[in-house]
């Protein structure tokens, strides 16, 4: 967002009518999350009952927390669950070194035999057809279905099998198994943690990285408080499997085909930024309004003051005499 547009947004008044709208763009969504985390920590919402302006800010922050945190919790639980399904399907091929008999023993010892058999029977059946039909639940997999259709045009693999169709088949097998999603992720944890993944591709699939992803999913699923959600949503964004970020399995997180570089750039920027005004300029218009007014009350000045400070700082650097 250009600074001139940001300046215009900051001139708009929002008191008594502020209503945070969740952005559709994934990049603005994550910037809004990090900005909300920042202003929630710097603004004590419990001490402003007699100051109308500050009370409005406090109520607006609380309302935004309720909306954004609960939305992101379900959004990431859905996206990461799909990613887990994409990976656990490899228990049925030569990526996993364990034989089916060895897998059954380990799963049975862990207490998930019934769930395992339900899932694997459905997956093996679904993976043999082009695209499993029917309901895919609440999550939007339109881009995955689009990729599957494209693959049909150029793939001549045995039984019409291809990566995106098998991923969808795995997720559909989970949905139709009617296994509780937390129980399913627990089962997947056992598969990743106990099975031998040193097979054909030597740890490029499954294993401890995916076991850690399952553990993080379970922790996010169990969150109840605001602080817990801030911690585990942040952790989910950082999660990586053997080759990339966990969200790279979900096409709605792509900016270009197969490209998750934008997420790395956001995470790097968040880790390095020292002034919250820099973070704010990348947020949605609603978060810019709320963030700017909160930063001012927290002692960070105004946007105009920040720009003036940066100009003077740049001028001093340019005028600084060079060493001989």
C-alpha atoms as a PDB file:
ATOM      1  CA  UNK A   1       0.000   0.000   0.000  1.00  0.00           C
ATOM      2  CA  UNK A   2       1.340   3.436  -0.937  1.00  0.00           C
ATOM      3  CA  UNK A   3       1.922   5.867   1.900  1.00  0.00           C
ATOM      4  CA  UNK A   4      -0.448   8.442   0.337  1.00  0.00           C
ATOM      5  CA  UNK A   5      -3.315   5.931   0.492  1.00  0.00           C
ATOM      6  CA  UNK A   6      -2.409   5.110   4.078  1.00  0.00           C
ATOM      7  CA  UNK A   7      -2.472   8.822   4.965  1.00  0.00           C
ATOM      8  CA  UNK A   8      -5.964   9.171   3.471  1.00  0.00           C
ATOM      9  CA  UNK A   9      -7.245   6.199   5.473  1.00  0.00           C
ATOM     10  CA  UNK A  10      -5.910   7.663   8.702  1.00  0.00           C
ATOM     11  CA  UNK A  11      -8.028  10.786   8.190  1.00  0.00           C
ATOM     12  CA  UNK A  12     -11.249   8.783   8.394  1.00  0.00           C
ATOM     13  CA  UNK A  13     -13.102   8.697  11.722  1.00  0.00           C
ATOM     14  CA  UNK A  14     -14.343   5.345  12.979  1.00  0.00           C
ATOM     15  CA  UNK A  15     -15.619   5.976  16.486  1.00  0.00           C
ATOM     16  CA  UNK A  16     -19.019   4.490  17.341  1.00  0.00           C
ATOM     17  CA  UNK A  17     -19.219   2.756  13.959  1.00  0.00           C
ATOM     18  CA  UNK A  18     -16.021   0.709  13.695  1.00  0.00           C
ATOM     19  CA  UNK A  19     -16.668  -2.802  12.426  1.00  0.00           C
ATOM     20  CA  UNK A  20     -13.633  -4.854  11.432  1.00  0.00           C
ATOM     21  CA  UNK A  21     -14.090  -6.736   8.158  1.00  0.00           C
ATOM     22  CA  UNK A  22     -11.882  -9.790   7.664  1.00  0.00           C
ATOM     23  CA  UNK A  23      -9.813  -9.342   4.471  1.00  0.00           C
ATOM     24  CA  UNK A  24      -9.951 -11.981   1.758  1.00  0.00           C
ATOM     25  CA  UNK A  25      -6.302 -11.581   0.757  1.00  0.00           C
ATOM     26  CA  UNK A  26      -4.091 -14.029   2.692  1.00  0.00           C
ATOM     27  CA  UNK A  27      -1.177 -11.587   2.967  1.00  0.00           C
ATOM     28  CA  UNK A  28      -3.283  -8.823   4.508  1.00  0.00           C
ATOM     29  CA  UNK A  29      -4.842 -11.412   6.804  1.00  0.00           C
ATOM     30  CA  UNK A  30      -1.492 -12.371   8.318  1.00  0.00           C
ATOM     31  CA  UNK A  31      -0.355  -8.728   8.592  1.00  0.00           C
ATOM     32  CA  UNK A  32      -3.635  -7.895  10.367  1.00  0.00           C
ATOM     33  CA  UNK A  33      -2.977 -10.769  12.777  1.00  0.00           C
ATOM     34  CA  UNK A  34       0.521  -9.555  13.661  1.00  0.00           C
ATOM     35  CA  UNK A  35      -0.650  -5.952  14.020  1.00  0.00           C
ATOM     36  CA  UNK A  36      -3.531  -7.011  16.261  1.00  0.00           C
ATOM     37  CA  UNK A  37      -1.109  -8.987  18.410  1.00  0.00           C
ATOM     38  CA  UNK A  38       1.078  -5.889  18.729  1.00  0.00           C
ATOM     39  CA  UNK A  39      -1.653  -3.420  19.671  1.00  0.00           C
ATOM     40  CA  UNK A  40      -3.325  -5.931  22.011  1.00  0.00           C
ATOM     41  CA  UNK A  41      -0.076  -6.208  23.943  1.00  0.00           C
ATOM     42  CA  UNK A  42       0.643  -2.472  24.119  1.00  0.00           C
ATOM     43  CA  UNK A  43      -2.886  -1.329  24.940  1.00  0.00           C
ATOM     44  CA  UNK A  44      -4.295  -2.258  28.344  1.00  0.00           C
ATOM     45  CA  UNK A  45      -7.979  -2.670  27.554  1.00  0.00           C
ATOM     46  CA  UNK A  46      -9.124  -2.959  31.160  1.00  0.00           C
ATOM     47  CA  UNK A  47      -8.285   0.508  32.533  1.00  0.00           C
ATOM     48  CA  UNK A  48     -10.188   2.931  30.298  1.00  0.00           C
ATOM     49  CA  UNK A  49     -13.759   2.836  31.566  1.00  0.00           C
ATOM     50  CA  UNK A  50     -13.895   6.624  32.133  1.00  0.00           C
ATOM     51  CA  UNK A  51     -12.212   7.827  28.918  1.00  0.00           C
ATOM     52  CA  UNK A  52     -14.627   7.660  25.979  1.00  0.00           C
ATOM     53  CA  UNK A  53     -12.006   7.645  23.220  1.00  0.00           C
ATOM     54  CA  UNK A  54      -9.898   5.013  24.917  1.00  0.00           C
ATOM     55  CA  UNK A  55     -12.945   2.988  25.841  1.00  0.00           C
ATOM     56  CA  UNK A  56     -13.978   2.967  22.158  1.00  0.00           C
ATOM     57  CA  UNK A  57     -10.515   1.727  21.214  1.00  0.00           C
ATOM     58  CA  UNK A  58     -10.634  -0.991  23.872  1.00  0.00           C
ATOM     59  CA  UNK A  59     -14.028  -2.229  22.685  1.00  0.00           C
ATOM     60  CA  UNK A  60     -12.896  -2.137  19.049  1.00  0.00           C
ATOM     61  CA  UNK A  61      -9.776  -4.191  19.840  1.00  0.00           C
ATOM     62  CA  UNK A  62     -11.809  -6.753  21.747  1.00  0.00           C
ATOM     63  CA  UNK A  63     -14.352  -7.047  18.935  1.00  0.00           C
ATOM     64  CA  UNK A  64     -11.566  -7.436  16.373  1.00  0.00           C
ATOM     65  CA  UNK A  65      -9.855 -10.090  18.490  1.00  0.00           C
ATOM     66  CA  UNK A  66     -13.078 -12.069  18.693  1.00  0.00           C
ATOM     67  CA  UNK A  67     -13.572 -11.920  14.933  1.00  0.00           C
ATOM     68  CA  UNK A  68     -10.044 -12.374  13.622  1.00  0.00           C
ATOM     69  CA  UNK A  69      -8.699 -14.932  16.093  1.00  0.00           C
ATOM     70  CA  UNK A  70     -11.707 -17.234  15.815  1.00  0.00           C
ATOM     71  CA  UNK A  71     -11.688 -16.911  12.037  1.00  0.00           C
ATOM     72  CA  UNK A  72      -7.968 -17.692  11.779  1.00  0.00           C
ATOM     73  CA  UNK A  73      -8.242 -20.601  14.177  1.00  0.00           C
ATOM     74  CA  UNK A  74     -10.809 -22.343  11.967  1.00  0.00           C
ATOM     75  CA  UNK A  75      -9.118 -21.228   8.740  1.00  0.00           C
ATOM     76  CA  UNK A  76      -5.762 -22.697   9.756  1.00  0.00           C
ATOM     77  CA  UNK A  77      -7.240 -25.845  11.294  1.00  0.00           C
ATOM     78  CA  UNK A  78      -8.970 -26.503   7.966  1.00  0.00           C
ATOM     79  CA  UNK A  79      -5.956 -25.684   5.798  1.00  0.00           C
ATOM     80  CA  UNK A  80      -3.458 -27.671   7.883  1.00  0.00           C
ATOM     81  CA  UNK A  81      -5.827 -30.633   8.161  1.00  0.00           C
ATOM     82  CA  UNK A  82      -5.988 -30.722   4.372  1.00  0.00           C
ATOM     83  CA  UNK A  83      -2.166 -30.603   4.261  1.00  0.00           C
ATOM     84  CA  UNK A  84      -1.962 -33.500   6.726  1.00  0.00           C
ATOM     85  CA  UNK A  85      -4.331 -35.514   4.513  1.00  0.00           C
ATOM     86  CA  UNK A  86      -2.135 -34.722   1.516  1.00  0.00           C
ATOM     87  CA  UNK A  87       0.864 -36.237   3.290  1.00  0.00           C
ATOM     88  CA  UNK A  88      -0.588 -39.191   5.177  1.00  0.00           C
ATOM     89  CA  UNK A  89      -1.785 -40.733   1.892  1.00  0.00           C
ATOM     90  CA  UNK A  90       1.816 -41.851   1.328  1.00  0.00           C
ATOM     91  CA  UNK A  91       1.356 -44.668   3.837  1.00  0.00           C
ATOM     92  CA  UNK A  92      -0.137 -46.595   0.909  1.00  0.00           C
ATOM     93  CA  UNK A  93       2.882 -46.339  -1.417  1.00  0.00           C
ATOM     94  CA  UNK A  94       6.609 -47.041  -1.389  1.00  0.00           C
ATOM     95  CA  UNK A  95       7.474 -43.727   0.279  1.00  0.00           C
ATOM     96  CA  UNK A  96       6.808 -45.511   3.591  1.00  0.00           C
ATOM     97  CA  UNK A  97       9.112 -48.464   4.211  1.00  0.00           C
ATOM     98  CA  UNK A  98       6.823 -50.290   6.651  1.00  0.00           C
ATOM     99  CA  UNK A  99       4.747 -53.129   5.221  1.00  0.00           C
ATOM    100  CA  UNK A 100       0.971 -52.984   5.694  1.00  0.00           C
ATOM    101  CA  UNK A 101       1.305 -55.653   8.351  1.00  0.00           C
ATOM    102  CA  UNK A 102       3.864 -53.563  10.276  1.00  0.00           C
ATOM    103  CA  UNK A 103       1.649 -50.469   9.945  1.00  0.00           C
ATOM    104  CA  UNK A 104      -1.373 -52.332  11.303  1.00  0.00           C
ATOM    105  CA  UNK A 105       0.585 -53.536  14.344  1.00  0.00           C
ATOM    106  CA  UNK A 106       1.887 -50.064  15.193  1.00  0.00           C
ATOM    107  CA  UNK A 107      -1.517 -48.442  14.733  1.00  0.00           C
ATOM    108  CA  UNK A 108      -3.221 -51.162  16.763  1.00  0.00           C
ATOM    109  CA  UNK A 109      -0.707 -50.758  19.601  1.00  0.00           C
ATOM    110  CA  UNK A 110      -1.471 -47.007  19.627  1.00  0.00           C
ATOM    111  CA  UNK A 111      -5.229 -47.595  19.750  1.00  0.00           C
ATOM    112  CA  UNK A 112      -6.276 -46.201  16.350  1.00  0.00           C
ATOM    113  CA  UNK A 113      -6.855 -49.370  14.322  1.00  0.00           C
ATOM    114  CA  UNK A 114     -10.557 -48.732  13.640  1.00  0.00           C
ATOM    115  CA  UNK A 115      -9.913 -45.192  12.369  1.00  0.00           C
ATOM    116  CA  UNK A 116      -6.939 -46.329  10.295  1.00  0.00           C
ATOM    117  CA  UNK A 117      -8.900 -49.066   8.497  1.00  0.00           C
ATOM    118  CA  UNK A 118     -11.836 -46.729   7.810  1.00  0.00           C
ATOM    119  CA  UNK A 119      -9.564 -44.094   6.262  1.00  0.00           C
ATOM    120  CA  UNK A 120      -7.293 -46.372   4.239  1.00  0.00           C
ATOM    121  CA  UNK A 121     -10.166 -48.353   2.686  1.00  0.00           C
ATOM    122  CA  UNK A 122     -11.878 -45.183   1.526  1.00  0.00           C
ATOM    123  CA  UNK A 123      -8.656 -43.596   0.268  1.00  0.00           C
ATOM    124  CA  UNK A 124      -7.582 -46.616  -1.779  1.00  0.00           C
ATOM    125  CA  UNK A 125     -11.010 -46.660  -3.411  1.00  0.00           C
ATOM    126  CA  UNK A 126     -11.184 -42.912  -4.055  1.00  0.00           C
ATOM    127  CA  UNK A 127      -7.638 -42.646  -5.424  1.00  0.00           C
ATOM    128  CA  UNK A 128      -8.557 -44.909  -8.351  1.00  0.00           C
ATOM    129  CA  UNK A 129     -11.185 -42.514  -9.763  1.00  0.00           C
ATOM    130  CA  UNK A 130     -10.584 -39.189 -11.461  1.00  0.00           C
ATOM    131  CA  UNK A 131     -12.157 -36.824  -8.907  1.00  0.00           C
ATOM    132  CA  UNK A 132     -14.188 -38.032  -5.925  1.00  0.00           C
ATOM    133  CA  UNK A 133     -17.589 -36.373  -6.171  1.00  0.00           C
ATOM    134  CA  UNK A 134     -19.755 -34.977  -3.400  1.00  0.00           C
ATOM    135  CA  UNK A 135     -19.401 -32.580  -0.512  1.00  0.00           C
ATOM    136  CA  UNK A 136     -15.958 -31.349   0.552  1.00  0.00           C
ATOM    137  CA  UNK A 137     -17.146 -29.729   3.765  1.00  0.00           C
ATOM    138  CA  UNK A 138     -16.795 -26.073   4.722  1.00  0.00           C
ATOM    139  CA  UNK A 139     -13.345 -25.452   3.229  1.00  0.00           C
ATOM    140  CA  UNK A 140     -13.142 -24.095  -0.324  1.00  0.00           C
ATOM    141  CA  UNK A 141     -11.031 -26.365  -2.534  1.00  0.00           C
ATOM    142  CA  UNK A 142     -12.020 -24.808  -5.862  1.00  0.00           C
ATOM    143  CA  UNK A 143      -8.387 -24.269  -6.827  1.00  0.00           C
ATOM    144  CA  UNK A 144      -7.491 -27.872  -5.988  1.00  0.00           C
ATOM    145  CA  UNK A 145     -10.354 -29.052  -8.188  1.00  0.00           C
ATOM    146  CA  UNK A 146      -9.172 -26.713 -10.936  1.00  0.00           C
ATOM    147  CA  UNK A 147      -5.641 -28.167 -10.759  1.00  0.00           C
ATOM    148  CA  UNK A 148      -7.095 -31.687 -10.901  1.00  0.00           C
ATOM    149  CA  UNK A 149      -9.002 -30.835 -14.066  1.00  0.00           C
ATOM    150  CA  UNK A 150      -5.827 -29.446 -15.634  1.00  0.00           C
ATOM    151  CA  UNK A 151      -3.905 -32.599 -14.728  1.00  0.00           C
ATOM    152  CA  UNK A 152      -6.472 -34.714 -16.568  1.00  0.00           C
ATOM    153  CA  UNK A 153      -5.431 -32.962 -19.777  1.00  0.00           C
ATOM    154  CA  UNK A 154      -1.770 -33.977 -19.695  1.00  0.00           C
ATOM    155  CA  UNK A 155      -1.329 -36.952 -17.393  1.00  0.00           C
ATOM    156  CA  UNK A 156      -1.309 -40.518 -18.662  1.00  0.00           C
ATOM    157  CA  UNK A 157      -0.424 -42.062 -15.325  1.00  0.00           C
ATOM    158  CA  UNK A 158      -1.735 -45.515 -14.478  1.00  0.00           C
ATOM    159  CA  UNK A 159      -5.394 -45.457 -13.367  1.00  0.00           C
ATOM    160  CA  UNK A 160      -5.562 -41.697 -14.076  1.00  0.00           C
ATOM    161  CA  UNK A 161      -3.694 -41.027 -10.820  1.00  0.00           C
ATOM    162  CA  UNK A 162      -2.015 -37.689 -10.180  1.00  0.00           C
ATOM    163  CA  UNK A 163      -0.892 -35.638  -7.194  1.00  0.00           C
ATOM    164  CA  UNK A 164      -3.821 -33.244  -6.837  1.00  0.00           C
ATOM    165  CA  UNK A 165      -6.465 -35.905  -7.375  1.00  0.00           C
ATOM    166  CA  UNK A 166      -4.830 -38.169  -4.801  1.00  0.00           C
ATOM    167  CA  UNK A 167      -4.661 -35.295  -2.318  1.00  0.00           C
ATOM    168  CA  UNK A 168      -8.350 -34.586  -2.806  1.00  0.00           C
ATOM    169  CA  UNK A 169      -9.078 -38.319  -2.544  1.00  0.00           C
ATOM    170  CA  UNK A 170      -7.277 -38.450   0.800  1.00  0.00           C
ATOM    171  CA  UNK A 171      -9.198 -35.477   2.177  1.00  0.00           C
ATOM    172  CA  UNK A 172     -12.480 -36.886   0.877  1.00  0.00           C
ATOM    173  CA  UNK A 173     -11.667 -40.227   2.536  1.00  0.00           C
ATOM    174  CA  UNK A 174     -11.218 -38.417   5.856  1.00  0.00           C
ATOM    175  CA  UNK A 175     -14.521 -36.554   5.463  1.00  0.00           C
ATOM    176  CA  UNK A 176     -16.515 -39.641   4.516  1.00  0.00           C
ATOM    177  CA  UNK A 177     -14.972 -41.760   7.272  1.00  0.00           C
ATOM    178  CA  UNK A 178     -16.829 -39.565   9.821  1.00  0.00           C
ATOM    179  CA  UNK A 179     -13.818 -39.776  12.112  1.00  0.00           C
ATOM    180  CA  UNK A 180     -13.629 -36.918  14.611  1.00  0.00           C
ATOM    181  CA  UNK A 181     -11.021 -34.557  13.172  1.00  0.00           C
ATOM    182  CA  UNK A 182      -8.928 -34.408  16.356  1.00  0.00           C
ATOM    183  CA  UNK A 183      -8.930 -38.212  16.526  1.00  0.00           C
ATOM    184  CA  UNK A 184      -7.900 -38.369  12.871  1.00  0.00           C
ATOM    185  CA  UNK A 185      -4.974 -35.994  13.449  1.00  0.00           C
ATOM    186  CA  UNK A 186      -3.933 -38.059  16.474  1.00  0.00           C
ATOM    187  CA  UNK A 187      -3.939 -41.131  14.219  1.00  0.00           C
ATOM    188  CA  UNK A 188      -1.865 -39.258  11.627  1.00  0.00           C
ATOM    189  CA  UNK A 189       0.603 -38.284  14.363  1.00  0.00           C
ATOM    190  CA  UNK A 190       1.148 -41.980  15.088  1.00  0.00           C
ATOM    191  CA  UNK A 191       1.636 -42.685  11.366  1.00  0.00           C
ATOM    192  CA  UNK A 192       4.272 -39.960  11.038  1.00  0.00           C
ATOM    193  CA  UNK A 193       5.944 -40.617  14.382  1.00  0.00           C
ATOM    194  CA  UNK A 194       6.014 -44.435  14.448  1.00  0.00           C
ATOM    195  CA  UNK A 195       6.147 -45.564  10.811  1.00  0.00           C
ATOM    196  CA  UNK A 196       9.452 -45.966   8.966  1.00  0.00           C
ATOM    197  CA  UNK A 197       9.664 -43.091   6.476  1.00  0.00           C
ATOM    198  CA  UNK A 198      13.212 -43.810   5.322  1.00  0.00           C
ATOM    199  CA  UNK A 199      11.943 -45.452   2.160  1.00  0.00           C
ATOM    200  CA  UNK A 200      12.341 -44.634  -1.512  1.00  0.00           C
ATOM    201  CA  UNK A 201      12.698 -40.879  -1.057  1.00  0.00           C
ATOM    202  CA  UNK A 202      14.714 -40.959   2.183  1.00  0.00           C
ATOM    203  CA  UNK A 203      12.806 -38.722   4.594  1.00  0.00           C
ATOM    204  CA  UNK A 204      11.449 -36.358   1.931  1.00  0.00           C
ATOM    205  CA  UNK A 205       7.990 -37.355   3.143  1.00  0.00           C
ATOM    206  CA  UNK A 206       6.307 -37.953   6.490  1.00  0.00           C
ATOM    207  CA  UNK A 207       8.430 -38.417   9.590  1.00  0.00           C
ATOM    208  CA  UNK A 208       9.086 -36.142  12.559  1.00  0.00           C
ATOM    209  CA  UNK A 209       8.409 -32.850  10.748  1.00  0.00           C
ATOM    210  CA  UNK A 210       4.853 -33.963  10.019  1.00  0.00           C
ATOM    211  CA  UNK A 211       4.444 -35.389  13.519  1.00  0.00           C
ATOM    212  CA  UNK A 212       5.298 -31.899  14.809  1.00  0.00           C
ATOM    213  CA  UNK A 213       2.706 -30.403  12.461  1.00  0.00           C
ATOM    214  CA  UNK A 214       0.070 -32.760  13.869  1.00  0.00           C
ATOM    215  CA  UNK A 215       1.062 -31.773  17.424  1.00  0.00           C
ATOM    216  CA  UNK A 216       0.733 -28.066  16.581  1.00  0.00           C
ATOM    217  CA  UNK A 217      -2.681 -28.671  14.988  1.00  0.00           C
ATOM    218  CA  UNK A 218      -3.872 -30.420  18.148  1.00  0.00           C
ATOM    219  CA  UNK A 219      -2.606 -27.580  20.338  1.00  0.00           C
ATOM    220  CA  UNK A 220      -4.363 -24.955  18.190  1.00  0.00           C
ATOM    221  CA  UNK A 221      -7.540 -27.035  18.220  1.00  0.00           C
ATOM    222  CA  UNK A 222      -7.481 -27.053  22.035  1.00  0.00           C
ATOM    223  CA  UNK A 223      -7.000 -23.288  22.446  1.00  0.00           C
ATOM    224  CA  UNK A 224      -9.597 -21.478  24.508  1.00  0.00           C
ATOM    225  CA  UNK A 225      -8.082 -18.124  25.506  1.00  0.00           C
ATOM    226  CA  UNK A 226      -7.010 -15.140  23.446  1.00  0.00           C
ATOM    227  CA  UNK A 227      -3.349 -15.554  24.442  1.00  0.00           C
ATOM    228  CA  UNK A 228      -3.354 -19.232  23.493  1.00  0.00           C
ATOM    229  CA  UNK A 229      -4.780 -18.413  20.063  1.00  0.00           C
ATOM    230  CA  UNK A 230      -2.185 -15.696  19.459  1.00  0.00           C
ATOM    231  CA  UNK A 231       0.622 -18.143  20.309  1.00  0.00           C
ATOM    232  CA  UNK A 232      -0.553 -21.133  18.271  1.00  0.00           C
ATOM    233  CA  UNK A 233      -1.788 -19.228  15.221  1.00  0.00           C
ATOM    234  CA  UNK A 234       1.630 -17.571  15.077  1.00  0.00           C
ATOM    235  CA  UNK A 235       3.298 -20.989  15.412  1.00  0.00           C
ATOM    236  CA  UNK A 236       1.191 -22.514  12.625  1.00  0.00           C
ATOM    237  CA  UNK A 237       2.275 -19.803  10.181  1.00  0.00           C
ATOM    238  CA  UNK A 238       5.914 -20.653  10.930  1.00  0.00           C
ATOM    239  CA  UNK A 239       5.507 -24.432  10.567  1.00  0.00           C
ATOM    240  CA  UNK A 240       7.555 -26.194   7.903  1.00  0.00           C
ATOM    241  CA  UNK A 241       7.577 -29.775   6.690  1.00  0.00           C
ATOM    242  CA  UNK A 242      10.456 -31.520   4.910  1.00  0.00           C
ATOM    243  CA  UNK A 243      10.508 -29.165   1.928  1.00  0.00           C
ATOM    244  CA  UNK A 244       8.443 -26.019   2.505  1.00  0.00           C
ATOM    245  CA  UNK A 245       5.828 -24.290   4.670  1.00  0.00           C
ATOM    246  CA  UNK A 246       2.930 -26.484   5.754  1.00  0.00           C
ATOM    247  CA  UNK A 247       0.452 -24.246   3.926  1.00  0.00           C
ATOM    248  CA  UNK A 248       2.088 -24.913   0.548  1.00  0.00           C
ATOM    249  CA  UNK A 249      -0.278 -27.859   0.027  1.00  0.00           C
ATOM    250  CA  UNK A 250      -3.286 -25.506  -0.101  1.00  0.00           C
ATOM    251  CA  UNK A 251      -3.606 -23.706  -3.426  1.00  0.00           C
ATOM    252  CA  UNK A 252      -5.561 -20.753  -2.015  1.00  0.00           C
ATOM    253  CA  UNK A 253      -2.293 -19.710  -0.331  1.00  0.00           C
ATOM    254  CA  UNK A 254      -0.408 -19.499  -3.640  1.00  0.00           C
ATOM    255  CA  UNK A 255       0.269 -16.150  -5.259  1.00  0.00           C
ATOM    256  CA  UNK A 256       1.761 -17.736  -8.351  1.00  0.00           C
ATOM    257  CA  UNK A 257       1.897 -21.407  -9.287  1.00  0.00           C
ATOM    258  CA  UNK A 258       3.699 -23.279  -6.512  1.00  0.00           C
ATOM    259  CA  UNK A 259       5.088 -20.075  -4.989  1.00  0.00           C
ATOM    260  CA  UNK A 260       5.015 -19.505  -1.226  1.00  0.00           C
ATOM    261  CA  UNK A 261       7.815 -16.925  -1.225  1.00  0.00           C
ATOM    262  CA  UNK A 262       5.372 -14.237  -0.097  1.00  0.00           C
ATOM    263  CA  UNK A 263       4.851 -16.025   3.233  1.00  0.00           C
ATOM    264  CA  UNK A 264       8.601 -16.222   3.860  1.00  0.00           C
ATOM    265  CA  UNK A 265       8.879 -12.501   3.068  1.00  0.00           C
ATOM    266  CA  UNK A 266       6.090 -11.657   5.545  1.00  0.00           C
ATOM    267  CA  UNK A 267       7.630 -13.783   8.306  1.00  0.00           C
ATOM    268  CA  UNK A 268      11.104 -12.314   7.695  1.00  0.00           C
ATOM    269  CA  UNK A 269       9.695  -8.788   7.698  1.00  0.00           C
ATOM    270  CA  UNK A 270       7.775  -9.409  10.923  1.00  0.00           C
ATOM    271  CA  UNK A 271      10.904 -10.757  12.613  1.00  0.00           C
ATOM    272  CA  UNK A 272      13.042  -7.751  11.614  1.00  0.00           C
ATOM    273  CA  UNK A 273      10.654  -4.794  11.848  1.00  0.00           C
ATOM    274  CA  UNK A 274      11.340  -2.545  14.822  1.00  0.00           C
ATOM    275  CA  UNK A 275       8.722   0.175  14.333  1.00  0.00           C
ATOM    276  CA  UNK A 276       5.039  -0.890  14.231  1.00  0.00           C
ATOM    277  CA  UNK A 277       4.202   1.817  11.685  1.00  0.00           C
ATOM    278  CA  UNK A 278       6.078  -0.181   9.064  1.00  0.00           C
ATOM    279  CA  UNK A 279       3.982  -3.223   9.939  1.00  0.00           C
ATOM    280  CA  UNK A 280       0.766  -1.233   9.808  1.00  0.00           C
ATOM    281  CA  UNK A 281       1.201   0.023   6.260  1.00  0.00           C
ATOM    282  CA  UNK A 282       0.774  -3.551   4.944  1.00  0.00           C
ATOM    283  CA  UNK A 283      -2.539  -4.182   6.733  1.00  0.00           C
ATOM    284  CA  UNK A 284      -6.151  -3.966   5.602  1.00  0.00           C
ATOM    285  CA  UNK A 285      -7.863  -0.564   5.713  1.00  0.00           C
ATOM    286  CA  UNK A 286      -9.825  -1.492   8.848  1.00  0.00           C
ATOM    287  CA  UNK A 287      -6.700  -2.567  10.715  1.00  0.00           C
ATOM    288  CA  UNK A 288      -4.874   0.572   9.583  1.00  0.00           C
ATOM    289  CA  UNK A 289      -7.582   2.703  11.170  1.00  0.00           C
ATOM    290  CA  UNK A 290      -7.655   0.758  14.415  1.00  0.00           C
ATOM    291  CA  UNK A 291      -3.887   0.336  14.582  1.00  0.00           C
ATOM    292  CA  UNK A 292      -3.054   3.987  13.927  1.00  0.00           C
ATOM    293  CA  UNK A 293      -5.351   5.288  16.657  1.00  0.00           C
ATOM    294  CA  UNK A 294      -4.113   2.641  19.098  1.00  0.00           C
ATOM    295  CA  UNK A 295      -0.433   3.368  18.376  1.00  0.00           C
ATOM    296  CA  UNK A 296      -1.020   7.049  19.047  1.00  0.00           C
ATOM    297  CA  UNK A 297      -2.605   6.287  22.429  1.00  0.00           C
ATOM    298  CA  UNK A 298       0.268   3.911  23.227  1.00  0.00           C
ATOM    299  CA  UNK A 299       2.839   6.675  22.743  1.00  0.00           C
ATOM    300  CA  UNK A 300       4.038   5.929  19.200  1.00  0.00           C
ATOM    301  CA  UNK A 301       2.914   9.314  17.890  1.00  0.00           C
ATOM    302  CA  UNK A 302       1.077   9.836  14.621  1.00  0.00           C
ATOM    303  CA  UNK A 303       1.813   8.739  11.083  1.00  0.00           C
ATOM    304  CA  UNK A 304       2.808  12.326  10.187  1.00  0.00           C
ATOM    305  CA  UNK A 305       5.283  12.412  13.071  1.00  0.00           C
ATOM    306  CA  UNK A 306       6.698   9.050  12.040  1.00  0.00           C
ATOM    307  CA  UNK A 307       7.214  10.190   8.425  1.00  0.00           C
ATOM    308  CA  UNK A 308       8.869  13.412   9.595  1.00  0.00           C
ATOM    309  CA  UNK A 309      11.191  11.449  11.880  1.00  0.00           C
ATOM    310  CA  UNK A 310      12.164   9.107   9.013  1.00  0.00           C
ATOM    311  CA  UNK A 311      12.890  12.107   6.753  1.00  0.00           C
ATOM    312  CA  UNK A 312      15.141  13.713   9.354  1.00  0.00           C
ATOM    313  CA  UNK A 313      16.859  10.383  10.031  1.00  0.00           C
ATOM    314  CA  UNK A 314      17.524   9.897   6.303  1.00  0.00           C
ATOM    315  CA  UNK A 315      18.825  13.460   6.006  1.00  0.00           C
ATOM    316  CA  UNK A 316      21.243  12.945   8.919  1.00  0.00           C
ATOM    317  CA  UNK A 317      22.566   9.747   7.368  1.00  0.00           C
ATOM    318  CA  UNK A 318      23.177  11.490   4.058  1.00  0.00           C
ATOM    319  CA  UNK A 319      24.878  14.475   5.741  1.00  0.00           C
ATOM    320  CA  UNK A 320      27.066  12.303   7.988  1.00  0.00           C
ATOM    321  CA  UNK A 321      30.735  12.950   6.992  1.00  0.00           C
ATOM    322  CA  UNK A 322      32.567  10.039   5.475  1.00  0.00           C
ATOM    323  CA  UNK A 323      35.565   8.606   7.313  1.00  0.00           C
ATOM    324  CA  UNK A 324      38.943   9.334   5.762  1.00  0.00           C
END
